[in-house]
Amino acid sequence: MQWCMSTRDHLGHQLPRRTPAHALALAAISLCLFASACTIPTKHARTTPTNSSPAPTTTVTTNPKTSPNRTSTPVTASLQTDFAQLTQTAGGRIGLAIAPVGRGEAPTVLGDWTNGVAWSTSKVPLAIAALRSPQAAALAASVTLAITQSDNSAADALWQSLGDPATAARKVEAVLHEGGDDTTTVQSRVVRPGFSAIGQTIWSLDHQARFASALPCIPGSVPVLEEMQNISAGQQWGLGTIPGASFKGGWGPGPPNG
């Protein structure tokens, strides 16, 4: 897991280079592609030149739909020790959710940051929902931009293609449900001026973990997983530095003064 500080916020505005970690809301959804029973793209990741700045990420590894009697993922003493050391140097609250891909165990969560704004990680279920619409072919380029470059205009086009805000939110929620997250409510209203409605969805680490590890099993997810292996060079942080990982980061300023 790695915390990375961006010099730009979710809308591309410049942030102070020494902005403290607690002033930013950071999130990420990531998926290591070595332990799933579902079909996973094997295409090699490519590096795409970009002018965008580094995406700060909190690494989350995840799992599919679970039932209360399933056990959580074992956490080794080494991981616990490493995470404890990280919390002493991170400069802010951090959290980590872990679950094997496609196995069904409940996620294990470490740290005291367990819930927060989804930011651009919400573009993953949004892209899957958009590719199920009759306009899928016309939206393919917007999916690529929204995932690989975290382009907000492209994500807005995907959101608008799903209908009115309430309908769009329901369609994205349907994708979450297929990934084992039947609790998260997708935000349909703009609650912070200047930021998208869906990006302000409250998405807990454990529910992101459930969803991400189930991604290969969700119908229509393959094109999105392929794009998640092709994230722009300036946003390849955290698990994004590991060959063969599919991931998506999200970031933005906190409400007070970030």
Protein backbone atom coordinates (compact mmCIF):
# COMPACT_ATOMS: atom_id res chain seq x y z
CA MET A 1 0.00 0.00 0.00
CA GLN A 2 1.20 3.50 -0.73
CA TRP A 3 -0.06 6.99 -0.03
CA CYS A 4 0.91 9.39 -2.79
CA MET A 5 0.38 13.15 -2.80
CA SER A 6 -0.85 14.81 -5.96
CA THR A 7 -0.05 18.37 -6.92
CA ARG A 8 -3.48 18.74 -8.52
CA ASP A 9 -6.99 18.16 -7.26
CA HIS A 10 -9.89 16.25 -8.84
CA LEU A 11 -10.64 19.12 -11.23
CA GLY A 12 -7.01 19.75 -12.17
CA HIS A 13 -6.48 22.80 -9.96
CA GLN A 14 -2.99 23.24 -8.58
CA LEU A 15 -2.55 22.28 -4.93
CA PRO A 16 0.30 23.32 -2.63
CA ARG A 17 3.09 20.76 -2.94
CA ARG A 18 3.20 20.35 0.82
CA THR A 19 -0.53 20.01 1.38
CA PRO A 20 -0.85 17.74 4.47
CA ALA A 21 -2.31 14.31 3.87
CA HIS A 22 -5.29 14.95 6.14
CA ALA A 23 -6.39 17.86 3.92
CA LEU A 24 -7.02 15.56 0.98
CA ALA A 25 -9.66 12.91 0.46
CA LEU A 26 -7.96 10.00 -1.27
CA ALA A 27 -9.33 6.71 -2.54
CA ALA A 28 -8.40 3.89 -4.89
CA ILE A 29 -9.77 0.69 -6.24
CA SER A 30 -7.29 -1.93 -7.34
CA LEU A 31 -7.22 -5.52 -8.45
CA CYS A 32 -4.25 -7.88 -8.71
CA LEU A 33 -4.81 -10.28 -11.55
CA PHE A 34 -3.40 -13.53 -10.23
CA ALA A 35 -6.10 -15.28 -8.18
CA SER A 36 -9.48 -15.29 -9.87
CA ALA A 37 -11.77 -18.05 -11.03
CA CYS A 38 -13.26 -15.70 -13.64
CA THR A 39 -11.92 -14.71 -17.03
CA ILE A 40 -9.46 -11.84 -16.68
CA PRO A 41 -7.82 -9.89 -19.49
CA THR A 42 -4.20 -10.93 -20.04
CA LYS A 43 -3.30 -8.01 -22.24
CA HIS A 44 -0.02 -6.39 -21.20
CA ALA A 45 -0.31 -2.92 -19.77
CA ARG A 46 0.97 -0.13 -21.93
CA THR A 47 2.41 3.17 -20.80
CA THR A 48 0.55 6.14 -22.23
CA PRO A 49 2.24 9.56 -22.24
CA THR A 50 0.20 12.09 -20.31
CA ASN A 51 0.41 15.64 -19.05
CA SER A 52 -1.64 14.84 -15.96
CA SER A 53 -0.07 14.96 -12.51
CA PRO A 54 0.42 11.95 -10.22
CA ALA A 55 -2.74 10.46 -8.76
CA PRO A 56 -2.61 9.96 -5.00
CA THR A 57 -3.85 6.51 -4.12
CA THR A 58 -4.74 4.36 -1.20
CA THR A 59 -4.42 0.75 -2.27
CA VAL A 60 -7.43 -1.51 -1.88
CA THR A 61 -7.47 -5.18 -2.90
CA THR A 62 -10.92 -6.72 -3.00
CA ASN A 63 -13.39 -9.65 -3.20
CA PRO A 64 -16.81 -10.82 -4.47
CA LYS A 65 -20.20 -11.19 -2.84
CA THR A 66 -19.90 -12.59 0.63
CA SER A 67 -22.20 -14.01 3.27
CA PRO A 68 -21.94 -13.33 7.03
CA ASN A 69 -20.59 -16.81 7.79
CA ARG A 70 -17.58 -16.49 5.51
CA THR A 71 -14.26 -15.78 7.17
CA SER A 72 -12.15 -12.73 6.49
CA THR A 73 -8.82 -12.81 4.68
CA PRO A 74 -5.92 -13.79 6.99
CA VAL A 75 -3.51 -10.95 7.71
CA THR A 76 0.09 -11.89 8.31
CA ALA A 77 2.08 -10.52 11.22
CA SER A 78 4.47 -9.01 8.72
CA LEU A 79 1.71 -7.04 7.03
CA GLN A 80 0.38 -5.83 10.36
CA THR A 81 3.87 -4.69 11.36
CA ASP A 82 4.49 -2.95 8.05
CA PHE A 83 1.12 -1.22 8.17
CA ALA A 84 1.70 -0.05 11.74
CA GLN A 85 5.02 1.46 10.67
CA LEU A 86 3.36 3.17 7.72
CA THR A 87 0.72 4.80 9.92
CA GLN A 88 3.49 6.47 11.90
CA THR A 89 4.87 8.24 8.83
CA ALA A 90 1.82 8.83 6.62
CA GLY A 91 0.90 12.22 8.08
CA GLY A 92 -2.82 11.46 8.04
CA ARG A 93 -5.46 8.81 8.60
CA ILE A 94 -5.05 5.77 6.39
CA GLY A 95 -6.83 2.49 5.77
CA LEU A 96 -6.34 -0.70 3.78
CA ALA A 97 -8.89 -3.33 2.73
CA ILE A 98 -7.73 -6.71 1.43
CA ALA A 99 -9.55 -9.64 -0.15
CA PRO A 100 -8.52 -12.35 -2.64
CA VAL A 101 -9.89 -11.92 -6.13
CA GLY A 102 -12.91 -14.08 -6.83
CA ARG A 103 -12.84 -16.18 -3.67
CA GLY A 104 -15.66 -14.87 -1.49
CA GLU A 105 -13.91 -14.12 1.79
CA ALA A 106 -14.99 -11.02 3.67
CA PRO A 107 -12.42 -8.22 3.28
CA THR A 108 -9.96 -7.59 6.07
CA VAL A 109 -9.64 -3.90 6.94
CA LEU A 110 -6.64 -2.29 8.60
CA GLY A 111 -6.22 1.26 9.87
CA ASP A 112 -8.59 3.92 11.18
CA TRP A 113 -9.72 5.32 7.81
CA THR A 114 -12.54 3.02 6.71
CA ASN A 115 -15.05 5.19 4.89
CA GLY A 116 -15.02 8.24 2.66
CA VAL A 117 -15.75 9.90 -0.66
CA ALA A 118 -15.24 7.66 -3.69
CA TRP A 119 -13.89 10.39 -6.00
CA SER A 120 -12.86 8.92 -9.35
CA THR A 121 -12.92 5.30 -8.22
CA SER A 122 -16.65 5.57 -8.95
CA LYS A 123 -15.77 5.80 -12.64
CA VAL A 124 -15.25 2.02 -12.69
CA PRO A 125 -18.88 0.95 -12.04
CA LEU A 126 -20.03 4.00 -14.02
CA ALA A 127 -18.09 2.83 -17.09
CA ILE A 128 -19.53 -0.69 -16.84
CA ALA A 129 -23.07 0.70 -16.60
CA ALA A 130 -22.50 2.98 -19.61
CA LEU A 131 -21.19 0.12 -21.76
CA ARG A 132 -24.47 -1.70 -21.20
CA SER A 133 -26.49 1.07 -22.81
CA PRO A 134 -27.60 1.14 -26.47
CA GLN A 135 -25.00 3.89 -26.96
CA ALA A 136 -22.11 1.63 -25.90
CA ALA A 137 -20.18 1.85 -29.17
CA ALA A 138 -20.34 5.64 -29.20
CA LEU A 139 -19.24 5.79 -25.55
CA ALA A 140 -16.16 3.56 -25.89
CA ALA A 141 -13.78 6.50 -26.30
CA SER A 142 -15.24 8.23 -23.23
CA VAL A 143 -14.76 5.04 -21.21
CA THR A 144 -11.11 4.95 -22.21
CA LEU A 145 -10.55 8.58 -21.21
CA ALA A 146 -12.52 8.29 -17.97
CA ILE A 147 -10.56 5.24 -16.80
CA THR A 148 -7.05 5.69 -18.22
CA GLN A 149 -6.79 9.45 -17.70
CA SER A 150 -9.52 9.99 -15.09
CA ASP A 151 -11.03 12.56 -17.47
CA ASN A 152 -13.98 14.27 -15.81
CA SER A 153 -15.66 15.49 -19.00
CA ALA A 154 -15.65 11.95 -20.36
CA ALA A 155 -17.13 10.66 -17.09
CA ASP A 156 -19.85 13.31 -17.30
CA ALA A 157 -20.74 12.05 -20.78
CA LEU A 158 -21.04 8.50 -19.41
CA TRP A 159 -23.23 9.69 -16.52
CA GLN A 160 -25.54 11.67 -18.81
CA SER A 161 -25.91 8.68 -21.14
CA LEU A 162 -27.63 6.78 -18.32
CA GLY A 163 -30.61 9.13 -18.10
CA ASP A 164 -31.65 11.60 -15.44
CA PRO A 165 -29.49 11.68 -12.25
CA ALA A 166 -31.76 9.40 -10.22
CA THR A 167 -31.91 6.83 -13.02
CA ALA A 168 -28.16 7.03 -13.59
CA ALA A 169 -27.50 6.43 -9.90
CA ARG A 170 -29.76 3.36 -9.89
CA LYS A 171 -27.98 1.88 -12.90
CA VAL A 172 -24.57 2.33 -11.29
CA GLU A 173 -25.90 0.86 -8.04
CA ALA A 174 -27.06 -2.18 -10.01
CA VAL A 175 -23.45 -2.76 -11.08
CA LEU A 176 -22.30 -2.47 -7.46
CA HIS A 177 -24.88 -5.04 -6.42
CA GLU A 178 -23.51 -7.49 -8.99
CA GLY A 179 -20.10 -7.02 -7.37
CA GLY A 180 -21.38 -7.91 -3.93
CA ASP A 181 -21.88 -4.36 -2.67
CA ASP A 182 -25.58 -4.09 -1.90
CA THR A 183 -25.15 -1.37 0.71
CA THR A 184 -23.59 1.64 -1.00
CA THR A 185 -25.97 4.35 -2.22
CA VAL A 186 -24.71 6.16 -5.32
CA GLN A 187 -25.02 9.91 -4.93
CA SER A 188 -27.35 11.45 -7.54
CA ARG A 189 -27.25 15.09 -6.40
CA VAL A 190 -24.39 17.58 -6.52
CA VAL A 191 -23.54 18.01 -2.85
CA ARG A 192 -20.33 19.99 -3.36
CA PRO A 193 -20.37 22.67 -6.06
CA GLY A 194 -17.76 22.02 -8.72
CA PHE A 195 -17.68 18.25 -8.18
CA SER A 196 -19.71 15.51 -9.82
CA ALA A 197 -22.55 13.87 -7.94
CA ILE A 198 -21.29 10.31 -8.39
CA GLY A 199 -17.78 11.26 -7.30
CA GLN A 200 -19.14 12.29 -3.90
CA THR A 201 -20.63 8.86 -3.26
CA ILE A 202 -19.60 7.55 0.15
CA TRP A 203 -17.90 4.23 -0.57
CA SER A 204 -16.30 2.32 2.31
CA LEU A 205 -13.02 0.46 1.90
CA ASP A 206 -14.55 -2.93 2.59
CA HIS A 207 -17.31 -2.41 0.03
CA GLN A 208 -14.76 -1.22 -2.54
CA ALA A 209 -12.83 -4.39 -1.75
CA ARG A 210 -15.87 -6.62 -2.25
CA PHE A 211 -16.62 -4.95 -5.55
CA ALA A 212 -13.10 -4.86 -6.98
CA SER A 213 -12.35 -8.52 -6.34
CA ALA A 214 -15.61 -9.46 -8.05
CA LEU A 215 -14.92 -7.29 -11.09
CA PRO A 216 -13.80 -10.16 -13.38
CA CYS A 217 -17.10 -11.91 -12.64
CA ILE A 218 -19.34 -8.94 -13.52
CA PRO A 219 -20.88 -9.19 -17.02
CA GLY A 220 -19.44 -6.59 -19.37
CA SER A 221 -16.49 -5.72 -17.14
CA VAL A 222 -13.71 -6.99 -19.41
CA PRO A 223 -13.31 -3.77 -21.49
CA VAL A 224 -13.12 -1.72 -18.28
CA LEU A 225 -10.60 -4.10 -16.68
CA GLU A 226 -8.46 -3.82 -19.80
CA GLU A 227 -8.49 -0.03 -19.53
CA MET A 228 -7.59 -0.34 -15.83
CA GLN A 229 -4.35 -2.00 -16.99
CA ASN A 230 -3.57 1.00 -19.18
CA ILE A 231 -3.66 3.89 -16.71
CA SER A 232 -1.73 6.95 -17.86
CA ALA A 233 1.90 7.05 -16.79
CA GLY A 234 1.38 10.05 -14.51
CA GLN A 235 -1.22 8.13 -12.48
CA GLN A 236 0.60 4.82 -12.00
CA TRP A 237 0.96 4.85 -8.23
CA GLY A 238 0.59 2.23 -5.49
CA LEU A 239 -0.40 -1.15 -6.91
CA GLY A 240 -0.28 0.54 -10.31
CA THR A 241 3.49 0.03 -10.26
CA ILE A 242 3.04 -3.76 -10.18
CA PRO A 243 2.95 -5.40 -13.65
CA GLY A 244 -0.39 -7.06 -14.35
CA ALA A 245 -2.46 -5.06 -11.85
CA SER A 246 -5.73 -3.41 -12.81
CA PHE A 247 -6.42 -0.30 -10.74
CA LYS A 248 -8.16 3.07 -10.61
CA GLY A 249 -7.28 5.97 -8.33
CA GLY A 250 -9.36 8.86 -7.13
CA TRP A 251 -8.44 12.08 -5.35
CA GLY A 252 -9.68 15.52 -4.43
CA PRO A 253 -9.52 18.27 -1.82
CA GLY A 254 -11.12 17.91 1.58
CA PRO A 255 -13.96 20.35 2.45
CA PRO A 256 -12.11 22.60 4.99
CA ASN A 257 -9.12 24.04 3.11
CA GLY A 258 -7.47 21.27 1.11
